[in-house]
Amino acid sequence: MRKVTYFHAGTVADFIIPDDRFDEFAKEIAWEKSHSEDEIQKARAVLGEFMMAEQAPPVGPGHILAACYIWNFFNTNPDEEMHIKGDIVVIDLEGNGEHIDYSAAGNINIAPVN
Protein backbone atom coordinates (compact mmCIF):
# COMPACT_ATOMS: atom_id res chain seq x y z
CA MET A 1 0.00 0.00 0.00
CA ARG A 2 1.17 3.50 -0.87
CA LYS A 3 -0.12 6.84 0.32
CA VAL A 4 -0.25 10.45 -0.77
CA THR A 5 -1.24 12.88 1.98
CA TYR A 6 -2.51 16.31 1.00
CA PHE A 7 -2.14 19.18 3.49
CA HIS A 8 -4.31 22.11 2.44
CA ALA A 9 -4.41 25.17 4.72
CA GLY A 10 -4.87 23.09 7.87
CA THR A 11 -6.99 20.31 6.35
CA VAL A 12 -5.40 16.91 5.77
CA ALA A 13 -6.57 14.04 3.57
CA ASP A 14 -4.93 10.69 2.89
CA PHE A 15 -5.24 9.08 -0.53
CA ILE A 16 -4.51 5.39 -0.02
CA ILE A 17 -3.30 3.52 -3.10
CA PRO A 18 -3.96 -0.23 -3.04
CA ASP A 19 -1.02 -2.27 -4.32
CA ASP A 20 -3.01 -3.84 -7.17
CA ARG A 21 -4.17 -0.42 -8.39
CA PHE A 22 -0.63 0.97 -8.34
CA ASP A 23 0.74 -2.10 -10.13
CA GLU A 24 -1.88 -1.64 -12.86
CA PHE A 25 -1.00 2.06 -13.14
CA ALA A 26 2.76 1.36 -13.31
CA LYS A 27 2.29 -1.15 -16.14
CA GLU A 28 0.28 1.31 -18.22
CA ILE A 29 2.16 4.61 -17.85
CA ALA A 30 4.68 5.51 -20.54
CA TRP A 31 8.14 6.41 -19.16
CA GLU A 32 8.21 9.80 -20.91
CA LYS A 33 4.82 10.70 -19.43
CA SER A 34 5.68 9.49 -15.93
CA HIS A 35 7.93 12.49 -15.18
CA SER A 36 6.10 15.25 -17.02
CA GLU A 37 5.69 18.56 -15.18
CA ASP A 38 2.35 19.09 -16.95
CA GLU A 39 1.08 15.73 -15.75
CA ILE A 40 2.14 16.30 -12.14
CA GLN A 41 0.28 19.63 -12.21
CA LYS A 42 -2.85 17.93 -13.56
CA ALA A 43 -2.68 15.22 -10.89
CA ARG A 44 -2.12 17.78 -8.14
CA ALA A 45 -5.08 19.81 -9.44
CA VAL A 46 -7.38 16.77 -9.17
CA LEU A 47 -6.46 16.32 -5.51
CA GLY A 48 -6.52 20.09 -4.94
CA GLU A 49 -10.12 20.30 -6.18
CA PHE A 50 -11.02 17.49 -3.77
CA MET A 51 -9.44 19.46 -0.92
CA MET A 52 -11.20 22.73 -1.84
CA ALA A 53 -14.69 21.21 -2.01
CA GLU A 54 -17.02 22.61 0.65
CA GLN A 55 -18.09 19.10 1.49
CA ALA A 56 -15.52 16.42 0.71
CA PRO A 57 -16.77 14.01 -1.95
CA PRO A 58 -15.99 10.32 -1.63
CA VAL A 59 -12.54 9.37 -2.88
CA GLY A 60 -13.05 8.00 -6.37
CA PRO A 61 -10.98 6.31 -9.08
CA GLY A 62 -9.80 9.66 -10.48
CA HIS A 63 -8.39 10.65 -7.09
CA ILE A 64 -6.59 7.33 -6.74
CA LEU A 65 -5.21 7.68 -10.28
CA ALA A 66 -3.91 11.18 -9.43
CA ALA A 67 -2.33 9.85 -6.22
CA CYS A 68 -0.69 7.03 -8.23
CA TYR A 69 0.78 9.59 -10.59
CA ILE A 70 2.15 11.78 -7.80
CA TRP A 71 3.63 8.83 -5.91
CA ASN A 72 5.19 7.40 -9.07
CA PHE A 73 6.48 10.80 -10.29
CA PHE A 74 8.63 11.30 -7.21
CA ASN A 75 9.59 7.72 -6.36
CA THR A 76 10.86 6.90 -9.85
CA ASN A 77 12.19 10.30 -10.85
CA PRO A 78 15.76 10.02 -12.20
CA ASP A 79 16.49 13.65 -11.29
CA GLU A 80 18.04 13.47 -7.82
CA GLU A 81 16.57 16.87 -6.86
CA MET A 82 13.05 15.63 -7.68
CA HIS A 83 13.36 12.15 -6.22
CA ILE A 84 11.43 11.44 -3.03
CA LYS A 85 11.44 7.96 -1.53
CA GLY A 86 8.31 6.52 0.04
CA ASP A 87 4.94 8.07 0.73
CA ILE A 88 4.43 11.66 -0.38
CA VAL A 89 3.00 14.74 1.33
CA VAL A 90 1.60 17.51 -0.88
CA ILE A 91 1.75 20.80 1.03
CA ASP A 92 -0.43 23.79 0.16
CA LEU A 93 0.10 26.04 3.19
CA GLU A 94 -1.72 29.05 1.76
CA GLY A 95 -4.68 26.99 0.59
CA ASN A 96 -4.88 28.62 -2.82
CA GLY A 97 -2.97 26.07 -4.90
CA GLU A 98 -0.34 28.59 -5.99
CA HIS A 99 2.58 27.55 -3.79
CA ILE A 100 2.83 23.79 -3.58
CA ASP A 101 5.64 21.80 -2.02
CA TYR A 102 6.21 18.05 -1.89
CA SER A 103 8.03 16.04 0.75
CA ALA A 104 8.55 12.49 1.94
CA ALA A 105 5.95 11.66 4.57
CA GLY A 106 8.73 10.52 6.92
CA ASN A 107 10.26 14.02 6.85
CA ILE A 108 7.13 15.86 8.00
CA ASN A 109 5.73 16.32 11.48
CA ILE A 110 2.31 17.91 11.39
CA ALA A 111 1.19 18.47 14.96
CA PRO A 112 -2.27 19.64 15.97
CA VAL A 113 -2.52 23.12 17.45
CA ASN A 114 -3.44 23.02 21.15
C-alpha atoms as a PDB file:
ATOM      1  CA  MET A   1       0.000   0.000   0.000  1.00  0.00           C
ATOM      2  CA  ARG A   2       1.170   3.497  -0.869  1.00  0.00           C
ATOM      3  CA  LYS A   3      -0.124   6.838   0.318  1.00  0.00           C
ATOM      4  CA  VAL A   4      -0.247  10.452  -0.774  1.00  0.00           C
ATOM      5  CA  THR A   5      -1.238  12.878   1.976  1.00  0.00           C
ATOM      6  CA  TYR A   6      -2.508  16.309   1.002  1.00  0.00           C
ATOM      7  CA  PHE A   7      -2.138  19.183   3.493  1.00  0.00           C
ATOM      8  CA  HIS A   8      -4.308  22.114   2.444  1.00  0.00           C
ATOM      9  CA  ALA A   9      -4.406  25.170   4.724  1.00  0.00           C
ATOM     10  CA  GLY A  10      -4.868  23.087   7.868  1.00  0.00           C
ATOM     11  CA  THR A  11      -6.993  20.309   6.352  1.00  0.00           C
ATOM     12  CA  VAL A  12      -5.396  16.914   5.766  1.00  0.00           C
ATOM     13  CA  ALA A  13      -6.567  14.037   3.575  1.00  0.00           C
ATOM     14  CA  ASP A  14      -4.934  10.690   2.886  1.00  0.00           C
ATOM     15  CA  PHE A  15      -5.242   9.081  -0.533  1.00  0.00           C
ATOM     16  CA  ILE A  16      -4.512   5.395  -0.018  1.00  0.00           C
ATOM     17  CA  ILE A  17      -3.301   3.524  -3.102  1.00  0.00           C
ATOM     18  CA  PRO A  18      -3.956  -0.227  -3.040  1.00  0.00           C
ATOM     19  CA  ASP A  19      -1.015  -2.273  -4.324  1.00  0.00           C
ATOM     20  CA  ASP A  20      -3.008  -3.840  -7.166  1.00  0.00           C
ATOM     21  CA  ARG A  21      -4.167  -0.424  -8.390  1.00  0.00           C
ATOM     22  CA  PHE A  22      -0.632   0.970  -8.345  1.00  0.00           C
ATOM     23  CA  ASP A  23       0.740  -2.101 -10.126  1.00  0.00           C
ATOM     24  CA  GLU A  24      -1.883  -1.642 -12.857  1.00  0.00           C
ATOM     25  CA  PHE A  25      -1.000   2.063 -13.139  1.00  0.00           C
ATOM     26  CA  ALA A  26       2.756   1.358 -13.311  1.00  0.00           C
ATOM     27  CA  LYS A  27       2.292  -1.151 -16.138  1.00  0.00           C
ATOM     28  CA  GLU A  28       0.284   1.309 -18.223  1.00  0.00           C
ATOM     29  CA  ILE A  29       2.158   4.612 -17.851  1.00  0.00           C
ATOM     30  CA  ALA A  30       4.684   5.512 -20.536  1.00  0.00           C
ATOM     31  CA  TRP A  31       8.135   6.410 -19.155  1.00  0.00           C
ATOM     32  CA  GLU A  32       8.207   9.798 -20.912  1.00  0.00           C
ATOM     33  CA  LYS A  33       4.822  10.705 -19.430  1.00  0.00           C
ATOM     34  CA  SER A  34       5.682   9.492 -15.935  1.00  0.00           C
ATOM     35  CA  HIS A  35       7.930  12.488 -15.182  1.00  0.00           C
ATOM     36  CA  SER A  36       6.104  15.250 -17.019  1.00  0.00           C
ATOM     37  CA  GLU A  37       5.695  18.558 -15.182  1.00  0.00           C
ATOM     38  CA  ASP A  38       2.349  19.094 -16.949  1.00  0.00           C
ATOM     39  CA  GLU A  39       1.079  15.725 -15.751  1.00  0.00           C
ATOM     40  CA  ILE A  40       2.142  16.298 -12.139  1.00  0.00           C
ATOM     41  CA  GLN A  41       0.282  19.626 -12.208  1.00  0.00           C
ATOM     42  CA  LYS A  42      -2.850  17.926 -13.557  1.00  0.00           C
ATOM     43  CA  ALA A  43      -2.676  15.217 -10.890  1.00  0.00           C
ATOM     44  CA  ARG A  44      -2.121  17.780  -8.142  1.00  0.00           C
ATOM     45  CA  ALA A  45      -5.077  19.807  -9.435  1.00  0.00           C
ATOM     46  CA  VAL A  46      -7.377  16.773  -9.169  1.00  0.00           C
ATOM     47  CA  LEU A  47      -6.458  16.321  -5.510  1.00  0.00           C
ATOM     48  CA  GLY A  48      -6.520  20.090  -4.936  1.00  0.00           C
ATOM     49  CA  GLU A  49     -10.119  20.300  -6.180  1.00  0.00           C
ATOM     50  CA  PHE A  50     -11.024  17.494  -3.769  1.00  0.00           C
ATOM     51  CA  MET A  51      -9.445  19.463  -0.917  1.00  0.00           C
ATOM     52  CA  MET A  52     -11.197  22.727  -1.845  1.00  0.00           C
ATOM     53  CA  ALA A  53     -14.687  21.211  -2.007  1.00  0.00           C
ATOM     54  CA  GLU A  54     -17.021  22.608   0.646  1.00  0.00           C
ATOM     55  CA  GLN A  55     -18.094  19.096   1.487  1.00  0.00           C
ATOM     56  CA  ALA A  56     -15.518  16.424   0.714  1.00  0.00           C
ATOM     57  CA  PRO A  57     -16.765  14.010  -1.953  1.00  0.00           C
ATOM     58  CA  PRO A  58     -15.989  10.319  -1.628  1.00  0.00           C
ATOM     59  CA  VAL A  59     -12.542   9.366  -2.881  1.00  0.00           C
ATOM     60  CA  GLY A  60     -13.053   7.998  -6.368  1.00  0.00           C
ATOM     61  CA  PRO A  61     -10.982   6.307  -9.078  1.00  0.00           C
ATOM     62  CA  GLY A  62      -9.802   9.663 -10.476  1.00  0.00           C
ATOM     63  CA  HIS A  63      -8.389  10.646  -7.094  1.00  0.00           C
ATOM     64  CA  ILE A  64      -6.591   7.325  -6.738  1.00  0.00           C
ATOM     65  CA  LEU A  65      -5.208   7.676 -10.276  1.00  0.00           C
ATOM     66  CA  ALA A  66      -3.914  11.176  -9.430  1.00  0.00           C
ATOM     67  CA  ALA A  67      -2.331   9.847  -6.222  1.00  0.00           C
ATOM     68  CA  CYS A  68      -0.687   7.032  -8.232  1.00  0.00           C
ATOM     69  CA  TYR A  69       0.778   9.587 -10.595  1.00  0.00           C
ATOM     70  CA  ILE A  70       2.147  11.777  -7.799  1.00  0.00           C
ATOM     71  CA  TRP A  71       3.626   8.827  -5.909  1.00  0.00           C
ATOM     72  CA  ASN A  72       5.193   7.401  -9.070  1.00  0.00           C
ATOM     73  CA  PHE A  73       6.479  10.798 -10.285  1.00  0.00           C
ATOM     74  CA  PHE A  74       8.634  11.303  -7.208  1.00  0.00           C
ATOM     75  CA  ASN A  75       9.589   7.723  -6.361  1.00  0.00           C
ATOM     76  CA  THR A  76      10.857   6.903  -9.851  1.00  0.00           C
ATOM     77  CA  ASN A  77      12.189  10.304 -10.849  1.00  0.00           C
ATOM     78  CA  PRO A  78      15.757  10.016 -12.201  1.00  0.00           C
ATOM     79  CA  ASP A  79      16.491  13.654 -11.289  1.00  0.00           C
ATOM     80  CA  GLU A  80      18.044  13.475  -7.821  1.00  0.00           C
ATOM     81  CA  GLU A  81      16.574  16.868  -6.855  1.00  0.00           C
ATOM     82  CA  MET A  82      13.054  15.632  -7.683  1.00  0.00           C
ATOM     83  CA  HIS A  83      13.363  12.146  -6.221  1.00  0.00           C
ATOM     84  CA  ILE A  84      11.425  11.438  -3.034  1.00  0.00           C
ATOM     85  CA  LYS A  85      11.442   7.959  -1.534  1.00  0.00           C
ATOM     86  CA  GLY A  86       8.306   6.521   0.038  1.00  0.00           C
ATOM     87  CA  ASP A  87       4.942   8.066   0.729  1.00  0.00           C
ATOM     88  CA  ILE A  88       4.425  11.664  -0.384  1.00  0.00           C
ATOM     89  CA  VAL A  89       2.996  14.737   1.328  1.00  0.00           C
ATOM     90  CA  VAL A  90       1.601  17.509  -0.876  1.00  0.00           C
ATOM     91  CA  ILE A  91       1.745  20.797   1.030  1.00  0.00           C
ATOM     92  CA  ASP A  92      -0.430  23.789   0.165  1.00  0.00           C
ATOM     93  CA  LEU A  93       0.099  26.037   3.187  1.00  0.00           C
ATOM     94  CA  GLU A  94      -1.719  29.049   1.760  1.00  0.00           C
ATOM     95  CA  GLY A  95      -4.677  26.990   0.595  1.00  0.00           C
ATOM     96  CA  ASN A  96      -4.884  28.621  -2.824  1.00  0.00           C
ATOM     97  CA  GLY A  97      -2.971  26.066  -4.899  1.00  0.00           C
ATOM     98  CA  GLU A  98      -0.345  28.585  -5.995  1.00  0.00           C
ATOM     99  CA  HIS A  99       2.581  27.552  -3.789  1.00  0.00           C
ATOM    100  CA  ILE A 100       2.831  23.788  -3.575  1.00  0.00           C
ATOM    101  CA  ASP A 101       5.636  21.800  -2.021  1.00  0.00           C
ATOM    102  CA  TYR A 102       6.209  18.053  -1.890  1.00  0.00           C
ATOM    103  CA  SER A 103       8.027  16.038   0.746  1.00  0.00           C
ATOM    104  CA  ALA A 104       8.555  12.494   1.944  1.00  0.00           C
ATOM    105  CA  ALA A 105       5.953  11.664   4.568  1.00  0.00           C
ATOM    106  CA  GLY A 106       8.728  10.522   6.920  1.00  0.00           C
ATOM    107  CA  ASN A 107      10.262  14.017   6.854  1.00  0.00           C
ATOM    108  CA  ILE A 108       7.131  15.856   7.998  1.00  0.00           C
ATOM    109  CA  ASN A 109       5.725  16.320  11.479  1.00  0.00           C
ATOM    110  CA  ILE A 110       2.308  17.913  11.393  1.00  0.00           C
ATOM    111  CA  ALA A 111       1.191  18.471  14.956  1.00  0.00           C
ATOM    112  CA  PRO A 112      -2.267  19.640  15.969  1.00  0.00           C
ATOM    113  CA  VAL A 113      -2.516  23.118  17.448  1.00  0.00           C
ATOM    114  CA  ASN A 114      -3.440  23.019  21.145  1.00  0.00           C
END
